[in-house]
Amino acid sequence: MELLNNNIIFNTIDNGIMVLDDGLNIKAWNKWLEVKTGIKASEIVDHNICEKFPYIEQKKLIRKIKSVLITKNPSFFSVEPHEYLIKIKSNIIMGKVFKYMRQDITLVPYDSERKLVCLYIYDHTKLHESSEKLKKLNEELKELSSKDHLTQLYNRRYFTEAAITMQSLSIRNNHHVSIIILDVDNFKNINDTYGHSVGDNVIVSLSRILENNCRKSDIVARFGGEEFVILLYNTSLSFAQSIAENIRENVEDYFLEINKEKLSFTLSLGVAQFDAKLDKDIESTINRADKALYAAKESGKNKVVTDNS
């Protein structure tokens, strides 16, 4: 291997190359690996790669080397879940997405008689970083497309999609699903009297109250204007009514301070439970909750009305 270790191409190529025998002993180690790892060839040649780098899956690597020697064909070596064979720290030029260089590994037959293979390490950090950044951007765009820009609650489109899933789960698992739909009483008067910016403050404040009174598993969404809807999975009608009443009381006790004046507001709420025998889909349940909300408005506002269909 001395000839190979002194070979110009072997030591100037822009990727890592090492030669391994079928016992995982390193027989050659090029300049790229010396620079990237800080380990000189003289310090590592004739040492077992898995003893030097104990996090490498030894059995997996042995199997792959045997396969390459038998078939005499190159083979890709998967380094999941770490995405590297040897830990090589990323530098500033590579960016800060990954702590260690992302690598693709290929094994190629080198000398079948001496049972030697060439192992190539390709630095694909930039490609992985671009993919990771694109993935993160897509997640952010998806998040933005599912959220109401003013309240940061879910929007109607996301709620509709999630509600269909929850309906299927409730039927499959025989769990209750309940809906609370609510509306700010006399919201037009608030906008007309104090202006739309104050109206927005009311909507945002109400959003935080709703979040504080719901579980993480509940889906709270702004349907538009001053109307909100809450989907409560694995929640009976009576429990949903209790949650609605608690929200109503919290809002009734709350006030905004506008130019040293206390601005209070109230809610009307309608509650309904999904019934597979009664409702064609979750939209039917929302419609029943909406009728209950209308009944709350008609009977004096600032109250919870439950649909008992």
Protein backbone atom coordinates (compact mmCIF):
# COMPACT_ATOMS: atom_id res chain seq x y z
CA MET A 1 0.00 0.00 0.00
CA GLU A 2 3.05 2.30 0.23
CA LEU A 3 2.83 3.01 -3.50
CA LEU A 4 -0.83 4.03 -3.19
CA ASN A 5 -0.20 6.23 -0.14
CA ASN A 6 2.35 8.17 -2.22
CA ASN A 7 0.19 8.33 -5.34
CA ILE A 8 -0.47 11.93 -6.52
CA ILE A 9 -4.07 11.30 -7.69
CA PHE A 10 -4.87 9.36 -4.54
CA ASN A 11 -3.71 12.31 -2.43
CA THR A 12 -5.06 15.25 -4.47
CA ILE A 13 -8.60 14.02 -5.24
CA ASP A 14 -11.30 16.05 -3.48
CA ASN A 15 -12.91 13.27 -1.48
CA GLY A 16 -11.85 10.74 1.11
CA ILE A 17 -10.40 7.41 0.03
CA MET A 18 -9.25 4.57 2.21
CA VAL A 19 -8.48 0.94 1.50
CA LEU A 20 -9.84 -1.72 3.87
CA ASP A 21 -9.28 -5.45 4.08
CA ASP A 22 -12.04 -7.88 4.97
CA GLY A 23 -10.98 -7.68 8.62
CA LEU A 24 -11.70 -3.90 8.59
CA ASN A 25 -8.02 -2.99 8.84
CA ILE A 26 -7.09 0.30 7.16
CA LYS A 27 -4.44 -0.25 4.48
CA ALA A 28 -4.41 3.22 2.88
CA TRP A 29 -5.58 6.68 3.98
CA ASN A 30 -5.41 9.63 1.62
CA LYS A 31 -4.43 13.26 2.18
CA TRP A 32 -8.06 14.46 2.15
CA LEU A 33 -8.78 12.23 5.17
CA GLU A 34 -5.62 13.46 6.88
CA VAL A 35 -6.71 17.09 6.47
CA LYS A 36 -10.37 16.55 7.39
CA THR A 37 -9.82 14.27 10.39
CA GLY A 38 -6.46 15.53 11.61
CA ILE A 39 -5.19 11.92 11.62
CA LYS A 40 -2.07 11.15 9.58
CA ALA A 41 -1.85 7.97 7.50
CA SER A 42 1.13 6.83 9.56
CA GLU A 43 -1.04 7.00 12.69
CA ILE A 44 -3.97 4.97 11.38
CA VAL A 45 -2.78 2.54 8.67
CA ASP A 46 -2.98 -1.10 9.85
CA HIS A 47 -5.44 -0.15 12.58
CA ASN A 48 -9.01 -1.49 12.66
CA ILE A 49 -11.44 1.20 11.51
CA CYS A 50 -14.09 0.23 14.09
CA GLU A 51 -11.57 0.41 16.91
CA LYS A 52 -10.60 3.91 15.82
CA PHE A 53 -14.22 4.92 15.22
CA PRO A 54 -16.33 2.71 17.53
CA TYR A 55 -19.64 4.31 16.46
CA ILE A 56 -19.36 2.61 13.02
CA GLU A 57 -21.68 -0.40 12.69
CA GLN A 58 -19.08 -3.18 12.45
CA LYS A 59 -21.33 -6.09 11.41
CA LYS A 60 -23.04 -3.99 8.76
CA LEU A 61 -19.71 -2.87 7.27
CA ILE A 62 -18.29 -6.42 7.24
CA ARG A 63 -21.39 -7.70 5.42
CA LYS A 64 -21.11 -4.94 2.83
CA ILE A 65 -17.38 -5.59 2.21
CA LYS A 66 -18.01 -9.31 1.74
CA SER A 67 -20.82 -8.56 -0.69
CA VAL A 68 -18.62 -6.21 -2.73
CA LEU A 69 -15.79 -8.76 -2.87
CA ILE A 70 -18.10 -11.60 -3.92
CA THR A 71 -20.09 -9.68 -6.55
CA LYS A 72 -17.08 -7.60 -7.68
CA ASN A 73 -19.43 -4.65 -8.06
CA PRO A 74 -19.44 -1.22 -6.36
CA SER A 75 -22.06 -0.70 -3.67
CA PHE A 76 -23.48 2.25 -1.78
CA PHE A 77 -23.13 2.02 2.00
CA SER A 78 -25.94 3.57 4.04
CA VAL A 79 -24.80 5.65 7.01
CA GLU A 80 -28.25 6.42 8.45
CA PRO A 81 -29.29 7.70 10.91
CA HIS A 82 -26.13 9.78 11.48
CA GLU A 83 -25.50 10.55 7.79
CA TYR A 84 -21.75 10.09 8.25
CA LEU A 85 -19.26 7.21 8.46
CA ILE A 86 -16.55 9.17 10.26
CA LYS A 87 -17.24 12.25 12.39
CA ILE A 88 -15.77 15.24 10.58
CA LYS A 89 -16.81 18.61 11.96
CA SER A 90 -18.47 21.02 9.57
CA ASN A 91 -16.57 24.24 8.99
CA ILE A 92 -17.86 27.81 8.66
CA ILE A 93 -17.94 27.62 4.87
CA MET A 94 -20.29 24.64 5.05
CA GLY A 95 -22.67 26.57 7.30
CA LYS A 96 -24.13 25.75 10.68
CA VAL A 97 -27.04 23.49 9.80
CA PHE A 98 -25.12 20.33 10.71
CA LYS A 99 -22.46 19.78 13.35
CA TYR A 100 -20.80 17.03 11.28
CA MET A 101 -20.15 16.66 7.56
CA ARG A 102 -22.91 14.79 5.72
CA GLN A 103 -21.37 11.96 3.71
CA ASP A 104 -22.21 9.50 0.96
CA ILE A 105 -20.18 6.30 1.10
CA THR A 106 -19.36 3.96 -1.78
CA LEU A 107 -17.41 0.68 -1.59
CA VAL A 108 -15.55 -0.51 -4.67
CA PRO A 109 -13.58 -3.77 -5.20
CA TYR A 110 -9.84 -2.99 -5.19
CA ASP A 111 -7.96 -6.30 -5.00
CA SER A 112 -10.14 -9.41 -4.81
CA GLU A 113 -7.22 -11.77 -4.25
CA ARG A 114 -6.00 -9.80 -1.24
CA LYS A 115 -9.61 -9.13 -0.21
CA LEU A 116 -9.24 -5.35 -0.35
CA VAL A 117 -11.89 -2.75 -1.06
CA CYS A 118 -11.70 0.97 -1.68
CA LEU A 119 -14.02 3.09 0.45
CA TYR A 120 -14.91 6.52 -0.92
CA ILE A 121 -16.26 9.31 1.29
CA TYR A 122 -18.06 12.09 -0.59
CA ASP A 123 -18.81 15.37 1.15
CA HIS A 124 -22.47 16.13 0.44
CA THR A 125 -22.97 18.60 3.29
CA LYS A 126 -23.93 21.49 1.00
CA LEU A 127 -26.54 19.35 -0.76
CA HIS A 128 -27.95 18.16 2.58
CA GLU A 129 -27.94 21.73 3.92
CA SER A 130 -29.85 22.98 0.87
CA SER A 131 -32.38 20.16 1.28
CA GLU A 132 -32.72 20.87 5.00
CA LYS A 133 -33.20 24.60 4.42
CA LEU A 134 -35.77 23.89 1.71
CA LYS A 135 -37.56 21.45 4.02
CA LYS A 136 -37.60 24.04 6.82
CA LEU A 137 -38.87 26.71 4.41
CA ASN A 138 -41.65 24.41 3.20
CA GLU A 139 -42.62 23.68 6.81
CA GLU A 140 -42.72 27.41 7.56
CA LEU A 141 -44.83 28.05 4.45
CA LYS A 142 -47.17 25.23 5.44
CA GLU A 143 -47.40 26.69 8.93
CA LEU A 144 -48.14 30.15 7.52
CA SER A 145 -50.78 28.76 5.16
CA SER A 146 -52.54 27.02 8.06
CA LYS A 147 -52.55 29.99 10.46
CA ASP A 148 -54.67 33.13 10.73
CA HIS A 149 -52.24 36.04 10.37
CA LEU A 150 -53.82 38.21 13.11
CA THR A 151 -54.36 35.67 15.90
CA GLN A 152 -51.89 32.92 14.94
CA LEU A 153 -54.69 30.44 15.55
CA TYR A 154 -55.48 27.90 12.87
CA ASN A 155 -57.50 29.15 9.92
CA ARG A 156 -60.70 27.74 8.50
CA ARG A 157 -58.99 25.70 5.78
CA TYR A 158 -56.73 23.88 8.23
CA PHE A 159 -59.61 23.33 10.66
CA THR A 160 -61.74 21.76 7.94
CA GLU A 161 -58.95 19.34 6.96
CA ALA A 162 -58.16 18.42 10.58
CA ALA A 163 -61.84 17.99 11.44
CA ILE A 164 -62.26 15.35 8.70
CA THR A 165 -59.34 13.39 10.18
CA MET A 166 -60.73 13.70 13.70
CA GLN A 167 -64.13 12.50 12.50
CA SER A 168 -62.57 9.35 11.04
CA LEU A 169 -60.60 8.73 14.23
CA SER A 170 -63.69 9.16 16.39
CA ILE A 171 -65.61 6.57 14.37
CA ARG A 172 -62.69 4.13 14.33
CA ASN A 173 -61.88 4.48 18.05
CA ASN A 174 -65.43 5.09 19.26
CA HIS A 175 -64.43 8.44 20.82
CA HIS A 176 -66.57 11.52 21.24
CA VAL A 177 -65.88 14.67 19.23
CA SER A 178 -67.51 17.93 20.25
CA ILE A 179 -67.64 21.33 18.62
CA ILE A 180 -67.83 24.76 20.26
CA ILE A 181 -68.59 27.69 18.00
CA LEU A 182 -68.51 31.19 19.47
CA ASP A 183 -68.96 34.79 18.53
CA VAL A 184 -68.14 38.14 20.20
CA ASP A 185 -71.36 39.87 21.21
CA ASN A 186 -71.96 43.31 19.69
CA PHE A 187 -68.58 43.30 18.00
CA LYS A 188 -69.72 45.81 15.37
CA ASN A 189 -70.41 48.32 18.15
CA ILE A 190 -66.84 47.85 19.46
CA ASN A 191 -65.41 48.58 16.01
CA ASP A 192 -67.74 51.56 15.46
CA THR A 193 -67.04 53.05 18.90
CA TYR A 194 -63.33 52.38 19.39
CA GLY A 195 -62.02 51.68 15.88
CA HIS A 196 -60.81 48.58 14.08
CA SER A 197 -57.42 48.51 15.81
CA VAL A 198 -59.17 48.08 19.17
CA GLY A 199 -61.41 45.49 17.56
CA ASP A 200 -58.28 43.62 16.49
CA ASN A 201 -56.98 43.80 20.08
CA VAL A 202 -60.23 42.23 21.27
CA ILE A 203 -59.85 39.40 18.73
CA VAL A 204 -56.21 38.75 19.70
CA SER A 205 -56.99 38.87 23.44
CA LEU A 206 -59.86 36.44 22.97
CA SER A 207 -57.54 34.12 21.02
CA ARG A 208 -55.15 33.90 23.98
CA ILE A 209 -58.05 33.20 26.37
CA LEU A 210 -59.23 30.38 24.11
CA GLU A 211 -55.74 28.87 23.97
CA ASN A 212 -55.40 29.05 27.75
CA ASN A 213 -58.70 27.25 28.24
CA CYS A 214 -58.08 24.46 25.74
CA ARG A 215 -55.79 21.44 25.64
CA LYS A 216 -52.96 21.05 23.15
CA SER A 217 -54.93 18.27 21.49
CA ASP A 218 -57.86 20.63 20.82
CA ILE A 219 -58.02 22.54 17.55
CA VAL A 220 -58.82 26.22 18.00
CA ALA A 221 -59.47 28.18 14.81
CA ARG A 222 -60.64 31.58 13.72
CA PHE A 223 -63.39 31.10 11.18
CA GLY A 224 -63.42 34.75 10.18
CA GLY A 225 -64.26 38.12 11.70
CA GLU A 226 -65.25 37.62 15.33
CA GLU A 227 -66.26 33.97 14.91
CA PHE A 228 -64.18 31.11 16.33
CA VAL A 229 -64.59 27.35 16.43
CA ILE A 230 -63.04 24.72 18.70
CA LEU A 231 -62.84 21.00 17.99
CA LEU A 232 -62.54 18.89 21.13
CA TYR A 233 -61.44 15.30 20.49
CA ASN A 234 -62.41 12.57 22.97
CA THR A 235 -64.74 15.03 24.69
CA SER A 236 -68.36 14.39 25.60
CA LEU A 237 -71.11 16.95 25.10
CA SER A 238 -71.39 17.67 28.83
CA PHE A 239 -67.65 18.21 29.18
CA ALA A 240 -67.60 20.44 26.09
CA GLN A 241 -70.46 22.46 27.63
CA SER A 242 -68.39 22.87 30.80
CA ILE A 243 -65.38 24.09 28.78
CA ALA A 244 -67.60 26.54 26.89
CA GLU A 245 -69.02 27.89 30.15
CA ASN A 246 -65.54 28.31 31.55
CA ILE A 247 -64.48 30.28 28.46
CA ARG A 248 -67.58 32.46 28.72
CA GLU A 249 -66.86 33.27 32.38
CA ASN A 250 -63.18 34.02 31.68
CA VAL A 251 -64.12 36.45 28.92
CA GLU A 252 -66.82 38.06 31.04
CA ASP A 253 -64.21 38.78 33.75
CA TYR A 254 -61.66 40.12 31.28
CA PHE A 255 -61.26 43.73 30.14
CA LEU A 256 -59.00 45.79 27.92
CA GLU A 257 -57.77 49.20 29.06
CA ILE A 258 -58.39 51.74 26.29
CA ASN A 259 -57.36 55.32 27.10
CA LYS A 260 -57.82 54.64 30.82
CA GLU A 261 -61.25 53.20 30.11
CA LYS A 262 -62.04 49.56 30.79
CA LEU A 263 -63.50 47.80 27.76
CA SER A 264 -65.30 44.54 28.51
CA PHE A 265 -66.94 42.20 26.04
CA THR A 266 -68.92 38.96 26.16
CA LEU A 267 -69.43 35.84 24.09
CA SER A 268 -72.26 33.69 22.89
CA LEU A 269 -71.42 30.02 22.38
CA GLY A 270 -73.03 27.01 20.75
CA VAL A 271 -72.04 23.43 21.54
CA ALA A 272 -72.75 20.18 19.68
CA GLN A 273 -71.37 16.63 19.65
CA PHE A 274 -70.66 14.64 16.50
CA ASP A 275 -73.13 11.79 16.06
CA ALA A 276 -72.38 9.34 13.26
CA LYS A 277 -76.06 8.37 13.08
CA LEU A 278 -77.27 11.94 12.95
CA ASP A 279 -74.49 13.78 11.10
CA LYS A 280 -73.43 13.08 7.53
CA ASP A 281 -70.05 14.62 8.39
CA ILE A 282 -68.40 16.96 10.89
CA GLU A 283 -69.75 19.93 8.91
CA SER A 284 -73.24 18.85 9.98
CA THR A 285 -72.11 18.99 13.61
CA ILE A 286 -70.70 22.49 13.06
CA ASN A 287 -74.05 23.54 11.58
CA ARG A 288 -75.87 22.25 14.68
CA ALA A 289 -73.42 24.10 16.93
CA ASP A 290 -73.97 27.22 14.82
CA LYS A 291 -77.76 26.95 15.31
CA ALA A 292 -77.14 26.66 19.06
CA LEU A 293 -74.97 29.80 18.87
CA TYR A 294 -77.78 31.62 17.06
CA ALA A 295 -80.18 30.52 19.83
CA ALA A 296 -77.77 31.94 22.43
CA LYS A 297 -77.76 35.26 20.57
CA GLU A 298 -81.54 35.29 20.26
CA SER A 299 -82.09 34.53 23.95
CA GLY A 300 -80.04 37.43 25.30
CA LYS A 301 -76.35 36.77 24.44
CA ASN A 302 -73.49 36.08 26.87
CA LYS A 303 -74.56 32.48 27.30
CA VAL A 304 -73.87 28.88 26.28
CA VAL A 305 -76.54 26.90 24.42
CA THR A 306 -76.09 23.19 23.83
CA ASP A 307 -77.60 21.26 20.95
CA ASN A 308 -79.31 18.17 22.35
CA SER A 309 -80.39 16.61 19.06
